[in-house]
PDB file of N, CA and C in Angstrom:
ATOM      1  N   MET A   1      19.774 -31.405   2.060  1.00  0.00           N
ATOM      2  CA  MET A   1      19.366 -30.323   1.172  1.00  0.00           C
ATOM      3  C   MET A   1      20.562 -29.860   0.348  1.00  0.00           C
ATOM      4  N   THR A   2      20.243 -29.374  -0.819  1.00  0.00           N
ATOM      5  CA  THR A   2      21.302 -28.838  -1.669  1.00  0.00           C
ATOM      6  C   THR A   2      21.524 -27.371  -1.349  1.00  0.00           C
ATOM      7  N   ALA A   3      22.628 -26.860  -1.828  1.00  0.00           N
ATOM      8  CA  ALA A   3      22.944 -25.447  -1.606  1.00  0.00           C
ATOM      9  C   ALA A   3      21.869 -24.554  -2.222  1.00  0.00           C
ATOM     10  N   ILE A   4      21.346 -24.952  -3.360  1.00  0.00           N
ATOM     11  CA  ILE A   4      20.307 -24.143  -4.023  1.00  0.00           C
ATOM     12  C   ILE A   4      19.035 -24.138  -3.197  1.00  0.00           C
ATOM     13  N   SER A   5      18.619 -25.292  -2.697  1.00  0.00           N
ATOM     14  CA  SER A   5      17.384 -25.329  -1.908  1.00  0.00           C
ATOM     15  C   SER A   5      17.552 -24.580  -0.588  1.00  0.00           C
ATOM     16  N   GLU A   6      18.743 -24.626  -0.008  1.00  0.00           N
ATOM     17  CA  GLU A   6      18.994 -23.861   1.210  1.00  0.00           C
ATOM     18  C   GLU A   6      18.906 -22.359   0.944  1.00  0.00           C
ATOM     19  N   ARG A   7      19.465 -21.937  -0.171  1.00  0.00           N
ATOM     20  CA  ARG A   7      19.397 -20.513  -0.527  1.00  0.00           C
ATOM     21  C   ARG A   7      17.962 -20.098  -0.833  1.00  0.00           C
ATOM     22  N   LEU A   8      17.229 -20.978  -1.489  1.00  0.00           N
ATOM     23  CA  LEU A   8      15.831 -20.678  -1.789  1.00  0.00           C
ATOM     24  C   LEU A   8      15.014 -20.581  -0.504  1.00  0.00           C
ATOM     25  N   ASP A   9      15.251 -21.471   0.432  1.00  0.00           N
ATOM     26  CA  ASP A   9      14.563 -21.405   1.728  1.00  0.00           C
ATOM     27  C   ASP A   9      14.906 -20.117   2.463  1.00  0.00           C
ATOM     28  N   ALA A  10      16.173 -19.712   2.421  1.00  0.00           N
ATOM     29  CA  ALA A  10      16.589 -18.462   3.068  1.00  0.00           C
ATOM     30  C   ALA A  10      15.921 -17.271   2.390  1.00  0.00           C
ATOM     31  N   LEU A  11      15.831 -17.297   1.084  1.00  0.00           N
ATOM     32  CA  LEU A  11      15.170 -16.213   0.351  1.00  0.00           C
ATOM     33  C   LEU A  11      13.688 -16.155   0.696  1.00  0.00           C
ATOM     34  N   ARG A  12      13.041 -17.315   0.761  1.00  0.00           N
ATOM     35  CA  ARG A  12      11.625 -17.350   1.145  1.00  0.00           C
ATOM     36  C   ARG A  12      11.420 -16.789   2.553  1.00  0.00           C
ATOM     37  N   ALA A  13      12.310 -17.146   3.467  1.00  0.00           N
ATOM     38  CA  ALA A  13      12.211 -16.636   4.839  1.00  0.00           C
ATOM     39  C   ALA A  13      12.400 -15.118   4.856  1.00  0.00           C
ATOM     40  N   GLY A  14      13.303 -14.610   4.042  1.00  0.00           N
ATOM     41  CA  GLY A  14      13.510 -13.167   3.954  1.00  0.00           C
ATOM     42  C   GLY A  14      12.298 -12.441   3.405  1.00  0.00           C
ATOM     43  N   VAL A  15      11.688 -13.011   2.386  1.00  0.00           N
ATOM     44  CA  VAL A  15      10.480 -12.417   1.798  1.00  0.00           C
ATOM     45  C   VAL A  15       9.358 -12.404   2.827  1.00  0.00           C
ATOM     46  N   LYS A  16       9.202 -13.496   3.570  1.00  0.00           N
ATOM     47  CA  LYS A  16       8.166 -13.570   4.613  1.00  0.00           C
ATOM     48  C   LYS A  16       8.404 -12.509   5.681  1.00  0.00           C
ATOM     49  N   LYS A  17       9.661 -12.300   6.053  1.00  0.00           N
ATOM     50  CA  LYS A  17       9.998 -11.301   7.064  1.00  0.00           C
ATOM     51  C   LYS A  17       9.623  -9.899   6.575  1.00  0.00           C
ATOM     52  N   VAL A  18       9.896  -9.606   5.305  1.00  0.00           N
ATOM     53  CA  VAL A  18       9.540  -8.302   4.735  1.00  0.00           C
ATOM     54  C   VAL A  18       8.023  -8.146   4.680  1.00  0.00           C
ATOM     55  N   GLU A  19       7.325  -9.174   4.258  1.00  0.00           N
ATOM     56  CA  GLU A  19       5.859  -9.110   4.206  1.00  0.00           C
ATOM     57  C   GLU A  19       5.270  -8.888   5.597  1.00  0.00           C
ATOM     58  N   ASP A  20       5.817  -9.564   6.604  1.00  0.00           N
ATOM     59  CA  ASP A  20       5.339  -9.379   7.982  1.00  0.00           C
ATOM     60  C   ASP A  20       5.611  -7.949   8.463  1.00  0.00           C
ATOM     61  N   ALA A  21       6.781  -7.415   8.111  1.00  0.00           N
ATOM     62  CA  ALA A  21       7.116  -6.043   8.502  1.00  0.00           C
ATOM     63  C   ALA A  21       6.182  -5.050   7.821  1.00  0.00           C
ATOM     64  N   GLU A  22       5.894  -5.266   6.548  1.00  0.00           N
ATOM     65  CA  GLU A  22       4.965  -4.393   5.829  1.00  0.00           C
ATOM     66  C   GLU A  22       3.597  -4.395   6.496  1.00  0.00           C
ATOM     67  N   ALA A  23       3.124  -5.576   6.854  1.00  0.00           N
ATOM     68  CA  ALA A  23       1.812  -5.688   7.504  1.00  0.00           C
ATOM     69  C   ALA A  23       1.806  -4.950   8.839  1.00  0.00           C
ATOM     70  N   ALA A  24       2.892  -5.067   9.592  1.00  0.00           N
ATOM     71  CA  ALA A  24       2.974  -4.383  10.880  1.00  0.00           C
ATOM     72  C   ALA A  24       2.988  -2.868  10.702  1.00  0.00           C
ATOM     73  N   VAL A  25       3.738  -2.389   9.726  1.00  0.00           N
ATOM     74  CA  VAL A  25       3.788  -0.943   9.455  1.00  0.00           C
ATOM     75  C   VAL A  25       2.417  -0.440   9.044  1.00  0.00           C
ATOM     76  N   LEU A  26       1.766  -1.156   8.153  1.00  0.00           N
ATOM     77  CA  LEU A  26       0.435  -0.736   7.700  1.00  0.00           C
ATOM     78  C   LEU A  26      -0.558  -0.698   8.854  1.00  0.00           C
ATOM     79  N   ALA A  27      -0.517  -1.714   9.715  1.00  0.00           N
ATOM     80  CA  ALA A  27      -1.437  -1.747  10.859  1.00  0.00           C
ATOM     81  C   ALA A  27      -1.164  -0.586  11.799  1.00  0.00           C
ATOM     82  N   PHE A  28       0.104  -0.303  12.058  1.00  0.00           N
ATOM     83  CA  PHE A  28       0.457   0.797  12.962  1.00  0.00           C
ATOM     84  C   PHE A  28       0.052   2.143  12.381  1.00  0.00           C
ATOM     85  N   VAL A  29       0.460   2.399  11.155  1.00  0.00           N
ATOM     86  CA  VAL A  29       0.180   3.695  10.524  1.00  0.00           C
ATOM     87  C   VAL A  29      -1.323   3.900  10.362  1.00  0.00           C
ATOM     88  N   SER A  30      -2.015   2.868   9.963  1.00  0.00           N
ATOM     89  CA  SER A  30      -3.462   2.991   9.763  1.00  0.00           C
ATOM     90  C   SER A  30      -4.206   3.184  11.084  1.00  0.00           C
ATOM     91  N   GLY A  31      -3.626   2.737  12.190  1.00  0.00           N
ATOM     92  CA  GLY A  31      -4.290   2.847  13.482  1.00  0.00           C
ATOM     93  C   GLY A  31      -4.131   4.187  14.177  1.00  0.00           C
ATOM     94  N   ILE A  32      -3.164   4.994  13.773  1.00  0.00           N
ATOM     95  CA  ILE A  32      -2.920   6.278  14.440  1.00  0.00           C
ATOM     96  C   ILE A  32      -4.134   7.204  14.378  1.00  0.00           C
ATOM     97  N   PRO A  33      -4.750   7.413  13.214  1.00  0.00           N
ATOM     98  CA  PRO A  33      -5.919   8.299  13.196  1.00  0.00           C
ATOM     99  C   PRO A  33      -7.036   7.840  14.135  1.00  0.00           C
ATOM    100  N   ALA A  34      -7.238   6.553  14.269  1.00  0.00           N
ATOM    101  CA  ALA A  34      -8.278   6.053  15.174  1.00  0.00           C
ATOM    102  C   ALA A  34      -7.939   6.371  16.631  1.00  0.00           C
ATOM    103  N   LEU A  35      -6.655   6.311  16.978  1.00  0.00           N
ATOM    104  CA  LEU A  35      -6.242   6.663  18.336  1.00  0.00           C
ATOM    105  C   LEU A  35      -6.504   8.142  18.624  1.00  0.00           C
ATOM    106  N   VAL A  36      -6.197   8.994  17.659  1.00  0.00           N
ATOM    107  CA  VAL A  36      -6.453  10.428  17.828  1.00  0.00           C
ATOM    108  C   VAL A  36      -7.955  10.675  17.955  1.00  0.00           C
ATOM    109  N   GLN A  37      -8.742  10.014  17.107  1.00  0.00           N
ATOM    110  CA  GLN A  37     -10.196  10.205  17.160  1.00  0.00           C
ATOM    111  C   GLN A  37     -10.762   9.734  18.495  1.00  0.00           C
ATOM    112  N   ALA A  38     -10.247   8.637  19.020  1.00  0.00           N
ATOM    113  CA  ALA A  38     -10.708   8.146  20.319  1.00  0.00           C
ATOM    114  C   ALA A  38     -10.389   9.158  21.423  1.00  0.00           C
ATOM    115  N   ALA A  39      -9.226   9.791  21.349  1.00  0.00           N
ATOM    116  CA  ALA A  39      -8.867  10.806  22.339  1.00  0.00           C
ATOM    117  C   ALA A  39      -9.785  12.020  22.225  1.00  0.00           C
ATOM    118  N   VAL A  40     -10.107  12.428  21.000  1.00  0.00           N
ATOM    119  CA  VAL A  40     -11.025  13.555  20.789  1.00  0.00           C
ATOM    120  C   VAL A  40     -12.404  13.207  21.341  1.00  0.00           C
ATOM    121  N   ASP A  41     -12.879  12.012  21.041  1.00  0.00           N
ATOM    122  CA  ASP A  41     -14.186  11.591  21.537  1.00  0.00           C
ATOM    123  C   ASP A  41     -14.224  11.581  23.068  1.00  0.00           C
ATOM    124  N   ALA A  42     -13.139  11.110  23.694  1.00  0.00           N
ATOM    125  CA  ALA A  42     -13.077  11.091  25.158  1.00  0.00           C
ATOM    126  C   ALA A  42     -13.068  12.512  25.712  1.00  0.00           C
ATOM    127  N   ALA A  43     -12.354  13.417  25.043  1.00  0.00           N
ATOM    128  CA  ALA A  43     -12.312  14.809  25.493  1.00  0.00           C
ATOM    129  C   ALA A  43     -13.686  15.458  25.361  1.00  0.00           C
ATOM    130  N   LEU A  44     -14.375  15.167  24.274  1.00  0.00           N
ATOM    131  CA  LEU A  44     -15.738  15.698  24.105  1.00  0.00           C
ATOM    132  C   LEU A  44     -16.657  15.176  25.202  1.00  0.00           C
ATOM    133  N   ALA A  45     -16.546  13.895  25.503  1.00  0.00           N
ATOM    134  CA  ALA A  45     -17.378  13.292  26.548  1.00  0.00           C
ATOM    135  C   ALA A  45     -17.061  13.896  27.926  1.00  0.00           C
ATOM    136  N   ALA A  46     -15.833  14.375  28.095  1.00  0.00           N
ATOM    137  CA  ALA A  46     -15.433  14.970  29.373  1.00  0.00           C
ATOM    138  C   ALA A  46     -15.757  16.461  29.446  1.00  0.00           C
ATOM    139  N   GLY A  47     -16.352  16.995  28.369  1.00  0.00           N
ATOM    140  CA  GLY A  47     -16.775  18.384  28.419  1.00  0.00           C
ATOM    141  C   GLY A  47     -16.044  19.355  27.519  1.00  0.00           C
ATOM    142  N   ALA A  48     -15.073  18.898  26.782  1.00  0.00           N
ATOM    143  CA  ALA A  48     -14.385  19.791  25.841  1.00  0.00           C
ATOM    144  C   ALA A  48     -15.361  20.185  24.739  1.00  0.00           C
ATOM    145  N   THR A  49     -15.169  21.356  24.191  1.00  0.00           N
ATOM    146  CA  THR A  49     -16.046  21.820  23.113  1.00  0.00           C
ATOM    147  C   THR A  49     -15.426  21.472  21.762  1.00  0.00           C
ATOM    148  N   PRO A  50     -16.264  21.361  20.727  1.00  0.00           N
ATOM    149  CA  PRO A  50     -15.730  21.112  19.392  1.00  0.00           C
ATOM    150  C   PRO A  50     -14.728  22.194  18.966  1.00  0.00           C
ATOM    151  N   GLU A  51     -14.954  23.418  19.385  1.00  0.00           N
ATOM    152  CA  GLU A  51     -14.034  24.499  19.035  1.00  0.00           C
ATOM    153  C   GLU A  51     -12.660  24.265  19.661  1.00  0.00           C
ATOM    154  N   GLU A  52     -12.648  23.793  20.908  1.00  0.00           N
ATOM    155  CA  GLU A  52     -11.383  23.512  21.584  1.00  0.00           C
ATOM    156  C   GLU A  52     -10.617  22.375  20.911  1.00  0.00           C
ATOM    157  N   LEU A  53     -11.343  21.492  20.268  1.00  0.00           N
ATOM    158  CA  LEU A  53     -10.722  20.315  19.665  1.00  0.00           C
ATOM    159  C   LEU A  53     -10.573  20.419  18.149  1.00  0.00           C
ATOM    160  N   ALA A  54     -10.880  21.566  17.578  1.00  0.00           N
ATOM    161  CA  ALA A  54     -10.818  21.728  16.123  1.00  0.00           C
ATOM    162  C   ALA A  54      -9.428  21.422  15.575  1.00  0.00           C
ATOM    163  N   ALA A  55      -8.391  21.831  16.292  1.00  0.00           N
ATOM    164  CA  ALA A  55      -7.031  21.567  15.821  1.00  0.00           C
ATOM    165  C   ALA A  55      -6.758  20.062  15.742  1.00  0.00           C
ATOM    166  N   PHE A  56      -7.330  19.300  16.682  1.00  0.00           N
ATOM    167  CA  PHE A  56      -7.145  17.851  16.645  1.00  0.00           C
ATOM    168  C   PHE A  56      -7.879  17.235  15.454  1.00  0.00           C
ATOM    169  N   ASP A  57      -9.055  17.773  15.141  1.00  0.00           N
ATOM    170  CA  ASP A  57      -9.787  17.284  13.979  1.00  0.00           C
ATOM    171  C   ASP A  57      -9.002  17.538  12.700  1.00  0.00           C
ATOM    172  N   GLU A  58      -8.393  18.717  12.599  1.00  0.00           N
ATOM    173  CA  GLU A  58      -7.578  19.043  11.421  1.00  0.00           C
ATOM    174  C   GLU A  58      -6.365  18.119  11.350  1.00  0.00           C
ATOM    175  N   LEU A  59      -5.721  17.907  12.498  1.00  0.00           N
ATOM    176  CA  LEU A  59      -4.568  17.017  12.549  1.00  0.00           C
ATOM    177  C   LEU A  59      -4.962  15.600  12.154  1.00  0.00           C
ATOM    178  N   ASN A  60      -6.098  15.142  12.655  1.00  0.00           N
ATOM    179  CA  ASN A  60      -6.540  13.791  12.346  1.00  0.00           C
ATOM    180  C   ASN A  60      -6.829  13.626  10.858  1.00  0.00           C
ATOM    181  N   ALA A  61      -7.433  14.617  10.240  1.00  0.00           N
ATOM    182  CA  ALA A  61      -7.691  14.556   8.795  1.00  0.00           C
ATOM    183  C   ALA A  61      -6.373  14.448   8.029  1.00  0.00           C
ATOM    184  N   ARG A  62      -5.380  15.211   8.472  1.00  0.00           N
ATOM    185  CA  ARG A  62      -4.067  15.155   7.820  1.00  0.00           C
ATOM    186  C   ARG A  62      -3.420  13.792   8.043  1.00  0.00           C
ATOM    187  N   LEU A  63      -3.540  13.256   9.249  1.00  0.00           N
ATOM    188  CA  LEU A  63      -2.979  11.931   9.534  1.00  0.00           C
ATOM    189  C   LEU A  63      -3.609  10.854   8.664  1.00  0.00           C
ATOM    190  N   VAL A  64      -4.922  10.919   8.483  1.00  0.00           N
ATOM    191  CA  VAL A  64      -5.598   9.941   7.632  1.00  0.00           C
ATOM    192  C   VAL A  64      -5.035  10.012   6.219  1.00  0.00           C
ATOM    193  N   GLN A  65      -4.900  11.231   5.696  1.00  0.00           N
ATOM    194  CA  GLN A  65      -4.376  11.407   4.337  1.00  0.00           C
ATOM    195  C   GLN A  65      -2.940  10.887   4.232  1.00  0.00           C
ATOM    196  N   GLU A  66      -2.099  11.249   5.193  1.00  0.00           N
ATOM    197  CA  GLU A  66      -0.705  10.817   5.147  1.00  0.00           C
ATOM    198  C   GLU A  66      -0.561   9.322   5.410  1.00  0.00           C
ATOM    199  N   ALA A  67      -1.411   8.766   6.269  1.00  0.00           N
ATOM    200  CA  ALA A  67      -1.373   7.323   6.522  1.00  0.00           C
ATOM    201  C   ALA A  67      -1.724   6.557   5.247  1.00  0.00           C
ATOM    202  N   ASP A  68      -2.704   7.053   4.513  1.00  0.00           N
ATOM    203  CA  ASP A  68      -3.058   6.415   3.242  1.00  0.00           C
ATOM    204  C   ASP A  68      -1.891   6.477   2.264  1.00  0.00           C
ATOM    205  N   GLN A  69      -1.203   7.618   2.222  1.00  0.00           N
ATOM    206  CA  GLN A  69      -0.051   7.775   1.321  1.00  0.00           C
ATOM    207  C   GLN A  69       1.085   6.840   1.724  1.00  0.00           C
ATOM    208  N   ILE A  70       1.377   6.785   3.022  1.00  0.00           N
ATOM    209  CA  ILE A  70       2.454   5.913   3.501  1.00  0.00           C
ATOM    210  C   ILE A  70       2.112   4.454   3.229  1.00  0.00           C
ATOM    211  N   ALA A  71       0.866   4.081   3.486  1.00  0.00           N
ATOM    212  CA  ALA A  71       0.451   2.698   3.227  1.00  0.00           C
ATOM    213  C   ALA A  71       0.630   2.359   1.753  1.00  0.00           C
ATOM    214  N   GLY A  72       0.260   3.283   0.886  1.00  0.00           N
ATOM    215  CA  GLY A  72       0.446   3.057  -0.552  1.00  0.00           C
ATOM    216  C   GLY A  72       1.914   2.923  -0.917  1.00  0.00           C
ATOM    217  N   ASP A  73       2.756   3.761  -0.298  1.00  0.00           N
ATOM    218  CA  ASP A  73       4.195   3.695  -0.559  1.00  0.00           C
ATOM    219  C   ASP A  73       4.786   2.377  -0.074  1.00  0.00           C
ATOM    220  N   VAL A  74       4.351   1.916   1.090  1.00  0.00           N
ATOM    221  CA  VAL A  74       4.867   0.653   1.627  1.00  0.00           C
ATOM    222  C   VAL A  74       4.471  -0.499   0.709  1.00  0.00           C
ATOM    223  N   VAL A  75       3.219  -0.517   0.295  1.00  0.00           N
ATOM    224  CA  VAL A  75       2.752  -1.590  -0.580  1.00  0.00           C
ATOM    225  C   VAL A  75       3.489  -1.545  -1.920  1.00  0.00           C
ATOM    226  N   ALA A  76       3.726  -0.327  -2.430  1.00  0.00           N
ATOM    227  CA  ALA A  76       4.415  -0.177  -3.713  1.00  0.00           C
ATOM    228  C   ALA A  76       5.918  -0.413  -3.581  1.00  0.00           C
ATOM    229  N   GLY A  77       6.419  -0.392  -2.340  1.00  0.00           N
ATOM    230  CA  GLY A  77       7.839  -0.606  -2.132  1.00  0.00           C
ATOM    231  C   GLY A  77       8.680   0.617  -2.425  1.00  0.00           C
ATOM    232  N   THR A  78       8.094   1.806  -2.294  1.00  0.00           N
ATOM    233  CA  THR A  78       8.836   3.028  -2.558  1.00  0.00           C
ATOM    234  C   THR A  78       9.095   3.783  -1.274  1.00  0.00           C
ATOM    235  N   ASP A  79      10.104   4.629  -1.308  1.00  0.00           N
ATOM    236  CA  ASP A  79      10.445   5.485  -0.172  1.00  0.00           C
ATOM    237  C   ASP A  79       9.692   6.791  -0.346  1.00  0.00           C
ATOM    238  N   PRO A  80       8.827   7.172   0.631  1.00  0.00           N
ATOM    239  CA  PRO A  80       8.056   8.405   0.481  1.00  0.00           C
ATOM    240  C   PRO A  80       8.917   9.639   0.277  1.00  0.00           C
ATOM    241  N   GLY A  81      10.159   9.614   0.740  1.00  0.00           N
ATOM    242  CA  GLY A  81      11.024  10.772   0.587  1.00  0.00           C
ATOM    243  C   GLY A  81      11.944  10.678  -0.612  1.00  0.00           C
ATOM    244  N   SER A  82      11.815   9.625  -1.402  1.00  0.00           N
ATOM    245  CA  SER A  82      12.738   9.453  -2.518  1.00  0.00           C
ATOM    246  C   SER A  82      12.299  10.270  -3.721  1.00  0.00           C
ATOM    247  N   PRO A  83      13.265  10.691  -4.523  1.00  0.00           N
ATOM    248  CA  PRO A  83      12.925  11.440  -5.723  1.00  0.00           C
ATOM    249  C   PRO A  83      12.272  10.534  -6.756  1.00  0.00           C
ATOM    250  N   ASP A  84      11.756  11.130  -7.773  1.00  0.00           N
ATOM    251  CA  ASP A  84      11.132  10.403  -8.868  1.00  0.00           C
ATOM    252  C   ASP A  84      12.139   9.402  -9.439  1.00  0.00           C
ATOM    253  N   PRO A  85      11.804   8.099  -9.456  1.00  0.00           N
ATOM    254  CA  PRO A  85      12.761   7.101  -9.922  1.00  0.00           C
ATOM    255  C   PRO A  85      13.089   7.218 -11.400  1.00  0.00           C
ATOM    256  N   SER A  86      12.333   7.983 -12.144  1.00  0.00           N
ATOM    257  CA  SER A  86      12.623   8.135 -13.568  1.00  0.00           C
ATOM    258  C   SER A  86      13.761   9.113 -13.808  1.00  0.00           C
ATOM    259  N   GLY A  87      14.138   9.872 -12.764  1.00  0.00           N
ATOM    260  CA  GLY A  87      15.232  10.831 -12.896  1.00  0.00           C
ATOM    261  C   GLY A  87      16.574  10.136 -12.857  1.00  0.00           C
ATOM    262  N   ASP A  88      17.627  10.885 -13.136  1.00  0.00           N
ATOM    263  CA  ASP A  88      18.983  10.345 -13.145  1.00  0.00           C
ATOM    264  C   ASP A  88      19.490  10.256 -11.708  1.00  0.00           C
ATOM    265  N   PRO A  89      19.737   9.048 -11.198  1.00  0.00           N
ATOM    266  CA  PRO A  89      20.170   8.910  -9.806  1.00  0.00           C
ATOM    267  C   PRO A  89      21.658   9.192  -9.606  1.00  0.00           C
ATOM    268  N   THR A  90      22.408   9.386 -10.688  1.00  0.00           N
ATOM    269  CA  THR A  90      23.841   9.598 -10.584  1.00  0.00           C
ATOM    270  C   THR A  90      24.135  11.054 -10.227  1.00  0.00           C
ATOM    271  N   PRO A  91      24.832  11.294  -9.114  1.00  0.00           N
ATOM    272  CA  PRO A  91      25.156  12.666  -8.769  1.00  0.00           C
ATOM    273  C   PRO A  91      26.216  13.238  -9.701  1.00  0.00           C
ATOM    274  N   GLU A  92      26.181  14.535  -9.857  1.00  0.00           N
ATOM    275  CA  GLU A  92      27.182  15.208 -10.661  1.00  0.00           C
ATOM    276  C   GLU A  92      28.502  15.212  -9.897  1.00  0.00           C
ATOM    277  N   PRO A  93      29.604  14.904 -10.570  1.00  0.00           N
ATOM    278  CA  PRO A  93      30.891  14.949  -9.874  1.00  0.00           C
ATOM    279  C   PRO A  93      31.294  16.392  -9.610  1.00  0.00           C
ATOM    280  N   ASP A  94      32.115  16.557  -8.565  1.00  0.00           N
ATOM    281  CA  ASP A  94      32.636  17.891  -8.281  1.00  0.00           C
ATOM    282  C   ASP A  94      33.601  18.288  -9.392  1.00  0.00           C
ATOM    283  N   PRO A  95      33.551  19.556  -9.795  1.00  0.00           N
ATOM    284  CA  PRO A  95      34.497  19.977 -10.859  1.00  0.00           C
ATOM    285  C   PRO A  95      35.936  19.927 -10.336  1.00  0.00           C
ATOM    286  N   VAL A  96      36.829  19.599 -11.223  1.00  0.00           N
ATOM    287  CA  VAL A  96      38.245  19.558 -10.881  1.00  0.00           C
ATOM    288  C   VAL A  96      38.801  20.974 -10.962  1.00  0.00           C
ATOM    289  N   PRO A  97      39.503  21.442  -9.910  1.00  0.00           N
ATOM    290  CA  PRO A  97      40.008  22.831  -9.946  1.00  0.00           C
ATOM    291  C   PRO A  97      41.141  23.011 -10.928  1.00  0.00           C
TER     292      PRO A  97
END
């Protein structure tokens, strides 16, 4: 193999690793709300009242919304905590005394 083909193979392997990691993150994040819902359903079946579990329902709704946002960010390749990329990323230097 040539140096170029070796580098291309390494790049392809790196891309595959990132794609696999993205898929794993999406599967994990997307599965959290279902785990919470299963716990709520089990608690209801064991005699808990809907009123007792209302906080879990609210939390689960928020998790679904945030999981969708995180999944979108992962697919888009953006950091959910990053500032707007259209802004100036250069920090202001400290003034000279």
